[in-house]
Amino acid sequence: MAVTPAPVSLTQGTPARLLSAVSGATSANFTIQPKPNGGDFTVSFQAVGTVTTLTAALQISLDGGTTFLDYVASASFISNTTTFKIFSPPAASFPLQAGPIYKVNVTAATGSSDIWACAS
């Protein structure tokens, strides 16, 4: 049985590499640490490197990582044509919050890119 690594925990103001040298289908789980005084999050995602093709969705799990569903479909998330994406309240259609486990689910990629995220 494969061991699932612990999710990366995003801390406000500290960029975190979620995936390294992406060149095919892969995924990475992450969580967002709560703000000390509560409040909404802005989360930025960026694919850095040689991004020839990239198809990725942002998924969410509310049951501890057993079941993931698309939260932001691949058509609206980072890709080879949109390598930077910000989700910022109150205008965000998809607000991110502390609590759930999120997954960057890459279904196709060529080239070699790292995927980063930063919460604030």
N, C-alpha and C. Protein backbone atom coordinates (compact mmCIF):
# COMPACT_ATOMS: atom_id res chain seq x y z
N MET A 1 0.84 -1.17 0.00
CA MET A 1 0.00 0.00 0.00
C MET A 1 0.89 1.24 0.00
N ALA A 2 0.57 2.16 -0.91
CA ALA A 2 1.35 3.40 -1.01
C ALA A 2 1.05 4.30 0.17
N VAL A 3 2.08 4.99 0.63
CA VAL A 3 1.92 5.92 1.73
C VAL A 3 1.63 7.30 1.15
N THR A 4 0.54 7.92 1.59
CA THR A 4 0.20 9.27 1.15
C THR A 4 0.94 10.26 2.02
N PRO A 5 1.75 11.15 1.41
CA PRO A 5 2.47 12.13 2.23
C PRO A 5 1.50 13.09 2.91
N ALA A 6 1.93 13.61 4.05
CA ALA A 6 1.11 14.60 4.76
C ALA A 6 0.93 15.82 3.87
N PRO A 7 -0.23 16.47 3.96
CA PRO A 7 -0.45 17.68 3.14
C PRO A 7 0.53 18.79 3.52
N VAL A 8 0.92 19.57 2.53
CA VAL A 8 1.70 20.78 2.77
C VAL A 8 0.77 21.75 3.49
N SER A 9 1.26 22.44 4.49
CA SER A 9 0.45 23.41 5.22
C SER A 9 0.88 24.82 4.81
N LEU A 10 -0.03 25.55 4.17
CA LEU A 10 0.28 26.92 3.75
C LEU A 10 0.18 27.85 4.95
N THR A 11 1.25 28.60 5.19
CA THR A 11 1.31 29.61 6.23
C THR A 11 1.25 30.97 5.54
N GLN A 12 0.48 31.90 6.08
CA GLN A 12 0.32 33.20 5.45
C GLN A 12 1.67 33.86 5.18
N GLY A 13 1.81 34.32 3.95
CA GLY A 13 2.98 35.08 3.57
C GLY A 13 4.22 34.27 3.25
N THR A 14 4.11 32.94 3.24
CA THR A 14 5.27 32.10 2.95
C THR A 14 4.97 31.23 1.73
N PRO A 15 5.58 31.52 0.58
CA PRO A 15 5.35 30.67 -0.58
C PRO A 15 5.79 29.23 -0.30
N ALA A 16 5.04 28.28 -0.84
CA ALA A 16 5.36 26.86 -0.65
C ALA A 16 5.31 26.15 -2.00
N ARG A 17 6.33 25.34 -2.26
CA ARG A 17 6.34 24.53 -3.48
C ARG A 17 5.46 23.30 -3.22
N LEU A 18 4.38 23.17 -3.98
CA LEU A 18 3.48 22.04 -3.83
C LEU A 18 3.95 20.84 -4.65
N LEU A 19 4.48 21.10 -5.83
CA LEU A 19 4.95 20.04 -6.73
C LEU A 19 6.25 20.48 -7.39
N SER A 20 7.15 19.52 -7.60
CA SER A 20 8.44 19.80 -8.23
C SER A 20 8.57 19.04 -9.54
N ALA A 21 9.14 19.71 -10.54
CA ALA A 21 9.48 19.10 -11.82
C ALA A 21 8.31 18.30 -12.41
N VAL A 22 7.16 18.94 -12.48
CA VAL A 22 5.97 18.28 -13.01
C VAL A 22 6.14 18.04 -14.50
N SER A 23 6.02 16.79 -14.92
CA SER A 23 6.12 16.45 -16.34
C SER A 23 5.12 15.37 -16.73
N GLY A 24 4.12 15.16 -15.90
CA GLY A 24 3.08 14.17 -16.17
C GLY A 24 2.02 14.26 -15.10
N ALA A 25 1.11 13.32 -15.10
CA ALA A 25 0.02 13.32 -14.12
C ALA A 25 0.58 13.12 -12.71
N THR A 26 0.12 13.95 -11.77
CA THR A 26 0.55 13.90 -10.38
C THR A 26 -0.40 14.74 -9.55
N SER A 27 -0.22 14.74 -8.26
CA SER A 27 -1.05 15.59 -7.40
C SER A 27 -0.33 15.89 -6.10
N ALA A 28 -0.82 16.91 -5.41
CA ALA A 28 -0.28 17.27 -4.09
C ALA A 28 -1.41 17.82 -3.25
N ASN A 29 -1.49 17.36 -2.01
CA ASN A 29 -2.49 17.85 -1.07
C ASN A 29 -1.91 18.99 -0.25
N PHE A 30 -2.79 19.93 0.14
CA PHE A 30 -2.35 21.01 1.01
C PHE A 30 -3.52 21.50 1.86
N THR A 31 -3.17 22.14 2.96
CA THR A 31 -4.15 22.78 3.84
C THR A 31 -3.73 24.23 4.01
N ILE A 32 -4.61 25.01 4.58
CA ILE A 32 -4.31 26.42 4.86
C ILE A 32 -4.46 26.63 6.35
N GLN A 33 -3.40 27.14 6.99
CA GLN A 33 -3.48 27.40 8.42
C GLN A 33 -4.42 28.56 8.69
N PRO A 34 -5.24 28.45 9.75
CA PRO A 34 -6.16 29.55 10.07
C PRO A 34 -5.41 30.83 10.42
N LYS A 35 -6.02 31.95 10.10
CA LYS A 35 -5.47 33.24 10.52
C LYS A 35 -5.73 33.39 12.01
N PRO A 36 -4.79 33.99 12.76
CA PRO A 36 -4.99 34.15 14.20
C PRO A 36 -6.28 34.88 14.56
N ASN A 37 -6.65 35.86 13.76
CA ASN A 37 -7.86 36.64 14.04
C ASN A 37 -9.01 36.28 13.11
N GLY A 38 -8.91 35.13 12.43
CA GLY A 38 -9.95 34.72 11.49
C GLY A 38 -9.87 35.52 10.21
N GLY A 39 -10.88 35.45 9.40
CA GLY A 39 -10.93 36.23 8.17
C GLY A 39 -10.67 35.39 6.93
N ASP A 40 -10.87 36.02 5.78
CA ASP A 40 -10.73 35.36 4.50
C ASP A 40 -9.28 35.29 4.06
N PHE A 41 -9.04 34.43 3.06
CA PHE A 41 -7.70 34.23 2.51
C PHE A 41 -7.65 34.68 1.06
N THR A 42 -6.50 35.15 0.67
CA THR A 42 -6.16 35.27 -0.73
C THR A 42 -5.10 34.21 -0.97
N VAL A 43 -5.27 33.41 -2.00
CA VAL A 43 -4.29 32.37 -2.31
C VAL A 43 -3.88 32.52 -3.77
N SER A 44 -2.58 32.57 -4.00
CA SER A 44 -2.01 32.66 -5.35
C SER A 44 -1.38 31.33 -5.71
N PHE A 45 -1.56 30.92 -6.96
CA PHE A 45 -0.94 29.70 -7.48
C PHE A 45 -0.12 30.08 -8.71
N GLN A 46 1.05 29.44 -8.87
CA GLN A 46 1.89 29.75 -10.02
C GLN A 46 2.63 28.49 -10.47
N ALA A 47 2.64 28.28 -11.78
CA ALA A 47 3.47 27.24 -12.39
C ALA A 47 4.73 27.93 -12.89
N VAL A 48 5.90 27.45 -12.46
CA VAL A 48 7.18 28.09 -12.77
C VAL A 48 8.07 27.07 -13.48
N GLY A 49 8.68 27.50 -14.57
CA GLY A 49 9.58 26.62 -15.31
C GLY A 49 9.12 26.49 -16.74
N THR A 50 9.44 25.36 -17.36
CA THR A 50 9.04 25.09 -18.73
C THR A 50 7.64 24.47 -18.71
N VAL A 51 6.64 25.28 -19.02
CA VAL A 51 5.25 24.83 -19.00
C VAL A 51 4.80 24.69 -20.46
N THR A 52 5.02 23.52 -21.03
CA THR A 52 4.63 23.29 -22.42
C THR A 52 3.14 22.99 -22.49
N THR A 53 2.70 22.00 -21.73
CA THR A 53 1.27 21.75 -21.55
C THR A 53 1.04 21.52 -20.06
N LEU A 54 -0.11 21.96 -19.58
CA LEU A 54 -0.48 21.75 -18.18
C LEU A 54 -2.00 21.78 -18.06
N THR A 55 -2.55 20.71 -17.54
CA THR A 55 -3.98 20.64 -17.23
C THR A 55 -4.08 20.24 -15.77
N ALA A 56 -4.64 21.13 -14.95
CA ALA A 56 -4.72 20.87 -13.51
C ALA A 56 -6.03 21.43 -12.97
N ALA A 57 -6.57 20.76 -11.98
CA ALA A 57 -7.77 21.21 -11.29
C ALA A 57 -7.44 21.38 -9.81
N LEU A 58 -8.19 22.23 -9.14
CA LEU A 58 -8.08 22.37 -7.70
C LEU A 58 -9.25 21.59 -7.10
N GLN A 59 -8.93 20.62 -6.26
CA GLN A 59 -9.96 19.77 -5.67
C GLN A 59 -10.05 20.01 -4.17
N ILE A 60 -11.17 19.60 -3.58
CA ILE A 60 -11.42 19.82 -2.15
C ILE A 60 -11.93 18.53 -1.52
N SER A 61 -11.52 18.31 -0.26
CA SER A 61 -12.02 17.19 0.54
C SER A 61 -12.45 17.70 1.89
N LEU A 62 -13.67 17.35 2.27
CA LEU A 62 -14.18 17.72 3.59
C LEU A 62 -14.23 16.51 4.52
N ASP A 63 -13.79 15.34 4.03
CA ASP A 63 -13.83 14.13 4.84
C ASP A 63 -12.43 13.60 5.17
N GLY A 64 -11.48 14.52 5.33
CA GLY A 64 -10.14 14.13 5.75
C GLY A 64 -9.26 13.58 4.65
N GLY A 65 -9.64 13.75 3.40
CA GLY A 65 -8.81 13.32 2.29
C GLY A 65 -9.24 12.00 1.67
N THR A 66 -10.38 11.46 2.08
CA THR A 66 -10.87 10.21 1.50
C THR A 66 -11.47 10.46 0.12
N THR A 67 -12.25 11.53 -0.01
CA THR A 67 -12.94 11.85 -1.25
C THR A 67 -12.59 13.26 -1.68
N PHE A 68 -12.17 13.41 -2.92
CA PHE A 68 -11.89 14.74 -3.48
C PHE A 68 -12.84 15.01 -4.65
N LEU A 69 -13.34 16.24 -4.71
CA LEU A 69 -14.18 16.69 -5.81
C LEU A 69 -13.57 17.96 -6.40
N ASP A 70 -13.81 18.18 -7.69
CA ASP A 70 -13.31 19.41 -8.30
C ASP A 70 -13.95 20.61 -7.63
N TYR A 71 -13.11 21.52 -7.14
CA TYR A 71 -13.56 22.79 -6.57
C TYR A 71 -13.41 23.88 -7.62
N VAL A 72 -12.28 23.85 -8.33
CA VAL A 72 -12.04 24.72 -9.47
C VAL A 72 -11.63 23.81 -10.62
N ALA A 73 -12.48 23.71 -11.63
CA ALA A 73 -12.22 22.83 -12.76
C ALA A 73 -10.97 23.27 -13.52
N SER A 74 -10.39 22.36 -14.25
CA SER A 74 -9.14 22.66 -14.96
C SER A 74 -9.29 23.84 -15.92
N ALA A 75 -10.47 24.06 -16.47
CA ALA A 75 -10.67 25.19 -17.39
C ALA A 75 -10.51 26.54 -16.69
N SER A 76 -10.62 26.56 -15.34
CA SER A 76 -10.55 27.82 -14.60
C SER A 76 -9.35 27.91 -13.66
N PHE A 77 -8.47 26.91 -13.71
CA PHE A 77 -7.31 26.87 -12.82
C PHE A 77 -6.05 27.13 -13.63
N ILE A 78 -4.87 26.94 -13.03
CA ILE A 78 -3.62 27.19 -13.75
C ILE A 78 -3.48 26.20 -14.91
N SER A 79 -2.84 26.68 -15.98
CA SER A 79 -2.64 25.86 -17.18
C SER A 79 -1.43 26.40 -17.93
N ASN A 80 -1.15 25.80 -19.07
CA ASN A 80 -0.02 26.30 -19.86
C ASN A 80 -0.32 27.68 -20.44
N THR A 81 -1.59 28.08 -20.53
CA THR A 81 -1.91 29.42 -21.03
C THR A 81 -2.16 30.42 -19.91
N THR A 82 -2.40 29.93 -18.69
CA THR A 82 -2.62 30.79 -17.52
C THR A 82 -1.78 30.21 -16.38
N THR A 83 -0.52 30.64 -16.29
CA THR A 83 0.39 30.04 -15.31
C THR A 83 0.30 30.69 -13.94
N PHE A 84 -0.52 31.75 -13.79
CA PHE A 84 -0.66 32.42 -12.50
C PHE A 84 -2.14 32.67 -12.25
N LYS A 85 -2.60 32.33 -11.05
CA LYS A 85 -4.02 32.48 -10.72
C LYS A 85 -4.13 32.93 -9.27
N ILE A 86 -5.00 33.91 -9.00
CA ILE A 86 -5.24 34.40 -7.64
C ILE A 86 -6.70 34.19 -7.30
N PHE A 87 -6.95 33.68 -6.11
CA PHE A 87 -8.30 33.56 -5.57
C PHE A 87 -8.37 34.48 -4.37
N SER A 88 -9.15 35.57 -4.51
CA SER A 88 -9.18 36.61 -3.49
C SER A 88 -10.61 37.01 -3.17
N PRO A 89 -11.01 36.95 -1.89
CA PRO A 89 -12.37 37.39 -1.53
C PRO A 89 -12.43 38.91 -1.54
N PRO A 90 -13.60 39.52 -1.65
CA PRO A 90 -14.89 38.85 -1.76
C PRO A 90 -15.26 38.52 -3.19
N ALA A 91 -14.43 38.89 -4.15
CA ALA A 91 -14.79 38.68 -5.55
C ALA A 91 -14.58 37.23 -6.00
N ALA A 92 -13.87 36.45 -5.23
CA ALA A 92 -13.56 35.09 -5.66
C ALA A 92 -14.82 34.24 -5.76
N SER A 93 -14.95 33.56 -6.88
CA SER A 93 -16.05 32.62 -7.05
C SER A 93 -15.80 31.38 -6.20
N PHE A 94 -14.53 31.14 -5.89
CA PHE A 94 -14.13 29.94 -5.16
C PHE A 94 -13.30 30.34 -3.95
N PRO A 95 -13.92 30.83 -2.85
CA PRO A 95 -13.13 31.24 -1.69
C PRO A 95 -12.47 30.03 -1.04
N LEU A 96 -11.21 30.18 -0.67
CA LEU A 96 -10.50 29.11 0.03
C LEU A 96 -10.54 29.42 1.52
N GLN A 97 -10.58 28.38 2.33
CA GLN A 97 -10.72 28.56 3.77
C GLN A 97 -9.87 27.54 4.51
N ALA A 98 -9.61 27.82 5.77
CA ALA A 98 -8.91 26.87 6.62
C ALA A 98 -9.87 25.72 6.91
N GLY A 99 -9.34 24.52 7.06
CA GLY A 99 -10.16 23.37 7.42
C GLY A 99 -10.12 22.25 6.40
N PRO A 100 -10.59 22.47 5.17
CA PRO A 100 -10.58 21.39 4.19
C PRO A 100 -9.16 21.02 3.77
N ILE A 101 -9.04 19.85 3.17
CA ILE A 101 -7.80 19.46 2.48
C ILE A 101 -8.04 19.76 1.01
N TYR A 102 -7.12 20.48 0.40
CA TYR A 102 -7.18 20.79 -1.02
C TYR A 102 -6.16 19.94 -1.75
N LYS A 103 -6.38 19.76 -3.04
CA LYS A 103 -5.45 18.99 -3.88
C LYS A 103 -5.28 19.71 -5.21
N VAL A 104 -4.03 19.91 -5.60
CA VAL A 104 -3.74 20.32 -6.97
C VAL A 104 -3.60 19.00 -7.73
N ASN A 105 -4.54 18.75 -8.63
CA ASN A 105 -4.57 17.48 -9.37
C ASN A 105 -4.20 17.74 -10.82
N VAL A 106 -2.97 17.37 -11.17
CA VAL A 106 -2.47 17.55 -12.54
C VAL A 106 -2.82 16.29 -13.31
N THR A 107 -3.60 16.44 -14.37
CA THR A 107 -3.98 15.28 -15.19
C THR A 107 -3.13 15.15 -16.43
N ALA A 108 -2.46 16.23 -16.85
CA ALA A 108 -1.57 16.17 -18.00
C ALA A 108 -0.55 17.30 -17.89
N ALA A 109 0.69 16.99 -18.23
CA ALA A 109 1.74 18.02 -18.23
C ALA A 109 2.91 17.55 -19.06
N THR A 110 3.50 18.47 -19.81
CA THR A 110 4.77 18.24 -20.46
C THR A 110 5.64 19.45 -20.18
N GLY A 111 6.93 19.28 -20.34
CA GLY A 111 7.87 20.29 -19.91
C GLY A 111 8.34 19.88 -18.53
N SER A 112 8.72 20.82 -17.73
CA SER A 112 9.11 20.54 -16.35
C SER A 112 8.88 21.81 -15.54
N SER A 113 7.84 21.80 -14.72
CA SER A 113 7.52 23.00 -13.96
C SER A 113 7.25 22.66 -12.51
N ASP A 114 7.49 23.63 -11.66
CA ASP A 114 7.14 23.54 -10.24
C ASP A 114 5.83 24.28 -10.05
N ILE A 115 5.01 23.82 -9.13
CA ILE A 115 3.77 24.52 -8.81
C ILE A 115 3.86 25.03 -7.38
N TRP A 116 3.68 26.33 -7.25
CA TRP A 116 3.82 27.04 -5.98
C TRP A 116 2.47 27.61 -5.56
N ALA A 117 2.33 27.83 -4.24
CA ALA A 117 1.14 28.50 -3.70
C ALA A 117 1.57 29.40 -2.56
N CYS A 118 0.81 30.47 -2.36
CA CYS A 118 1.07 31.38 -1.25
C CYS A 118 -0.25 31.93 -0.75
N ALA A 119 -0.49 31.82 0.54
CA ALA A 119 -1.72 32.33 1.16
C ALA A 119 -1.40 33.61 1.91
N SER A 120 -2.37 34.51 1.94
CA SER A 120 -2.21 35.73 2.73
C SER A 120 -3.57 36.17 3.24
